[in-house]
Amino acid sequence: MSAGLDLTRPGGAARLGAEVFEISEGGRSVSFAYREVESIRLSYRPRSLDYNVYRLDVRMRDGRSVKLFNVANSPLAVFKPYERWDRGYALFAEGLARRVATAAPKARLEAGLPNWRFWPAAAVGAILAGFLTVRGVAAAVDADWRPAIVCALGLIAALAFLKAFLWRNRPQSFAPGAIPAEVLP
């Protein structure tokens, strides 16, 4: 196994050691053994002020879990530009996946949203797109151009967001050295 990896992140640090990984934030620190990892999930999680937000969820066999974002995750981040650690986040995710695959071969390596979240999100997106299309066409048929234009613009905006969100978050498994690019910054 490769040497340890120490990374500074907004508000703390992340470390990949020989047998454990450690996350520290503020004055608090937690560590977990790779062999105890049940699953790793990487996903795309845009926020209102930042479109390029990614999340790493690690779940242990005993039910404990930890999540990391590639941006600062503090209440004050809403009022200032997000602090980023994109490259360090990607390095941490890649190193963690490799170490977990070696120490806990039965651990699941997953990308995107879980099925129970993905399919309802896709259904809501389809319903929204269908509604805007029907309302826009009905308004255009009645020569009511303002609502038709509003529906068309709303449909374009919704589809632009939904396409990126659903494509990046489609449920899939990955191999330790092959994390899908769409769930990494």
Protein backbone atom coordinates (compact mmCIF):
# COMPACT_ATOMS: atom_id res chain seq x y z
CA MET A 1 0.00 0.00 0.00
CA SER A 2 1.19 3.50 -0.75
CA ALA A 3 2.38 5.95 1.86
CA GLY A 4 -0.04 8.12 3.81
CA LEU A 5 -1.69 11.17 2.33
CA ASP A 6 -2.34 14.33 4.36
CA LEU A 7 -4.65 16.95 2.88
CA THR A 8 -5.75 20.33 4.15
CA ARG A 9 -9.41 21.07 3.55
CA PRO A 10 -11.66 24.02 4.43
CA GLY A 11 -12.08 24.01 8.19
CA GLY A 12 -9.96 20.92 8.80
CA ALA A 13 -7.89 18.13 7.32
CA ALA A 14 -8.20 14.65 5.86
CA ARG A 15 -5.63 11.90 6.20
CA LEU A 16 -5.24 8.51 4.60
CA GLY A 17 -3.01 6.36 6.78
CA ALA A 18 -1.82 2.78 6.45
CA GLU A 19 -4.87 1.20 8.13
CA VAL A 20 -7.20 4.10 8.99
CA PHE A 21 -8.44 7.34 7.52
CA GLU A 22 -9.02 10.41 9.62
CA ILE A 23 -11.21 13.46 9.18
CA SER A 24 -10.75 16.51 11.37
CA GLU A 25 -12.91 19.60 11.47
CA GLY A 26 -12.63 22.41 13.96
CA GLY A 27 -11.15 20.82 17.06
CA ARG A 28 -12.82 17.46 16.47
CA SER A 29 -11.31 14.42 14.79
CA VAL A 30 -12.69 11.00 13.86
CA SER A 31 -10.90 8.01 12.43
CA PHE A 32 -12.12 4.80 10.82
CA ALA A 33 -10.41 1.55 9.84
CA TYR A 34 -10.60 0.75 6.11
CA ARG A 35 -11.57 -2.84 6.92
CA GLU A 36 -14.74 -1.59 8.66
CA VAL A 37 -16.08 0.29 5.62
CA GLU A 38 -19.36 -1.09 4.26
CA SER A 39 -19.81 1.37 1.39
CA ILE A 40 -18.49 4.48 -0.31
CA ARG A 41 -20.81 6.66 -2.38
CA LEU A 42 -19.74 9.63 -4.50
CA SER A 43 -22.38 12.01 -5.83
CA TYR A 44 -22.98 15.39 -7.42
CA ARG A 45 -24.83 17.79 -5.10
CA PRO A 46 -25.26 21.31 -6.52
CA ARG A 47 -26.28 24.02 -4.09
CA SER A 48 -28.00 27.34 -4.60
CA LEU A 49 -24.79 29.38 -4.62
CA ASP A 50 -22.45 26.82 -6.16
CA TYR A 51 -23.17 24.45 -9.00
CA ASN A 52 -19.98 22.33 -8.69
CA VAL A 53 -20.48 20.60 -5.35
CA TYR A 54 -19.63 16.94 -4.83
CA ARG A 55 -20.20 14.68 -1.84
CA LEU A 56 -18.43 11.60 -0.48
CA ASP A 57 -20.41 9.37 1.91
CA VAL A 58 -18.66 6.58 3.79
CA ARG A 59 -20.70 4.09 5.81
CA MET A 60 -19.18 1.68 8.30
CA ARG A 61 -20.45 -1.81 9.14
CA ASP A 62 -21.45 -0.66 12.64
CA GLY A 63 -23.76 2.05 11.21
CA ARG A 64 -21.48 5.06 11.73
CA SER A 65 -20.98 7.30 8.74
CA VAL A 66 -19.08 10.33 7.57
CA LYS A 67 -19.66 12.71 4.68
CA LEU A 68 -17.32 15.16 3.02
CA PHE A 69 -17.94 17.87 0.46
CA ASN A 70 -15.45 19.46 -1.93
CA VAL A 71 -16.49 22.86 -0.55
CA ALA A 72 -16.69 24.40 2.92
CA ASN A 73 -19.67 23.01 4.77
CA SER A 74 -20.36 25.73 7.30
CA PRO A 75 -23.35 28.00 7.85
CA LEU A 76 -21.16 31.02 7.06
CA ALA A 77 -20.38 29.58 3.60
CA VAL A 78 -23.82 30.80 2.49
CA PHE A 79 -22.69 34.41 2.92
CA LYS A 80 -19.27 34.18 1.34
CA PRO A 81 -17.77 32.35 -1.63
CA TYR A 82 -17.27 28.68 -0.90
CA GLU A 83 -13.77 27.57 -0.01
CA ARG A 84 -12.85 24.68 -2.29
CA TRP A 85 -10.45 21.75 -2.12
CA ASP A 86 -11.34 20.11 -5.44
CA ARG A 87 -7.99 18.49 -6.20
CA GLY A 88 -7.50 17.29 -2.62
CA TYR A 89 -11.07 15.96 -2.51
CA ALA A 90 -10.49 13.95 -5.71
CA LEU A 91 -7.15 12.62 -4.40
CA PHE A 92 -8.78 11.66 -1.10
CA ALA A 93 -11.71 9.89 -2.81
CA GLU A 94 -9.41 7.96 -5.16
CA GLY A 95 -7.00 6.96 -2.39
CA LEU A 96 -9.82 5.98 -0.05
CA ALA A 97 -11.49 3.78 -2.70
CA ARG A 98 -8.22 1.95 -3.41
CA ARG A 99 -7.43 1.38 0.27
CA VAL A 100 -10.97 0.24 1.12
CA ALA A 101 -11.04 -2.16 -1.85
CA THR A 102 -7.85 -3.77 -0.52
CA ALA A 103 -8.84 -3.89 3.17
CA ALA A 104 -12.60 -4.59 2.75
CA PRO A 105 -13.12 -6.35 -0.60
CA LYS A 106 -16.88 -6.73 0.04
CA ALA A 107 -17.38 -2.97 0.49
CA ARG A 108 -19.64 -1.40 -2.13
CA LEU A 109 -18.16 1.40 -4.26
CA GLU A 110 -21.06 3.38 -5.67
CA ALA A 111 -21.54 6.57 -7.63
CA GLY A 112 -24.62 8.72 -8.01
CA LEU A 113 -27.78 8.67 -5.95
CA PRO A 114 -29.24 5.48 -4.51
CA ASN A 115 -32.10 4.07 -6.62
CA TRP A 116 -34.70 5.08 -4.03
CA ARG A 117 -33.69 8.75 -4.52
CA PHE A 118 -32.75 8.74 -8.20
CA TRP A 119 -35.96 7.36 -9.71
CA PRO A 120 -38.34 9.67 -7.80
CA ALA A 121 -36.12 12.63 -8.79
CA ALA A 122 -36.25 11.50 -12.43
CA ALA A 123 -40.05 11.09 -12.20
CA VAL A 124 -40.52 14.58 -10.71
CA GLY A 125 -38.29 16.01 -13.45
CA ALA A 126 -40.30 14.22 -16.15
CA ILE A 127 -43.59 15.44 -14.65
CA LEU A 128 -42.27 19.01 -14.49
CA ALA A 129 -41.03 18.88 -18.10
CA GLY A 130 -44.34 17.39 -19.24
CA PHE A 131 -46.36 20.02 -17.39
CA LEU A 132 -44.33 22.91 -18.81
CA THR A 133 -44.59 21.44 -22.31
CA VAL A 134 -48.38 20.94 -22.14
CA ARG A 135 -48.99 24.38 -20.61
CA GLY A 136 -46.67 26.05 -23.12
CA VAL A 137 -48.29 24.36 -26.11
CA ALA A 138 -51.79 25.15 -24.80
CA ALA A 139 -50.83 28.82 -24.35
CA ALA A 140 -49.29 28.94 -27.83
CA VAL A 141 -52.41 27.38 -29.40
CA ASP A 142 -54.49 30.11 -27.71
CA ALA A 143 -51.99 32.72 -28.99
CA ASP A 144 -51.22 33.68 -25.39
CA TRP A 145 -47.53 34.33 -26.02
CA ARG A 146 -46.33 35.53 -22.61
CA PRO A 147 -47.23 32.29 -20.77
CA ALA A 148 -45.98 30.27 -23.75
CA ILE A 149 -42.60 32.02 -23.59
CA VAL A 150 -42.41 31.68 -19.80
CA CYS A 151 -43.13 27.93 -20.10
CA ALA A 152 -40.55 27.54 -22.88
CA LEU A 153 -37.87 29.37 -20.86
CA GLY A 154 -38.79 27.39 -17.72
CA LEU A 155 -38.55 24.14 -19.67
CA ILE A 156 -35.12 25.08 -21.04
CA ALA A 157 -33.84 25.98 -17.55
CA ALA A 158 -35.32 22.87 -15.95
CA LEU A 159 -33.92 20.56 -18.62
CA ALA A 160 -30.45 22.13 -18.39
CA PHE A 161 -30.35 21.52 -14.64
CA LEU A 162 -32.05 18.11 -14.72
CA LYS A 163 -29.85 16.76 -17.50
CA ALA A 164 -26.65 17.53 -15.58
CA PHE A 165 -28.06 16.45 -12.21
CA LEU A 166 -29.58 13.17 -13.37
CA TRP A 167 -26.71 12.23 -15.70
CA ARG A 168 -24.06 12.77 -13.03
CA ASN A 169 -26.13 11.04 -10.34
CA ARG A 170 -27.29 7.95 -12.22
CA PRO A 171 -26.81 4.94 -9.93
CA GLN A 172 -23.72 2.88 -10.77
CA SER A 173 -20.92 0.89 -9.20
CA PHE A 174 -17.26 1.58 -9.88
CA ALA A 175 -13.90 -0.14 -9.59
CA PRO A 176 -11.31 1.33 -7.18
CA GLY A 177 -9.16 2.83 -9.94
CA ALA A 178 -12.07 3.92 -12.13
CA ILE A 179 -14.24 6.47 -10.33
CA PRO A 180 -16.67 8.02 -12.85
CA ALA A 181 -15.50 11.52 -13.76
CA GLU A 182 -19.00 12.95 -13.38
CA VAL A 183 -18.93 12.52 -9.58
CA LEU A 184 -15.52 14.18 -9.11
CA PRO A 185 -14.69 17.89 -9.39
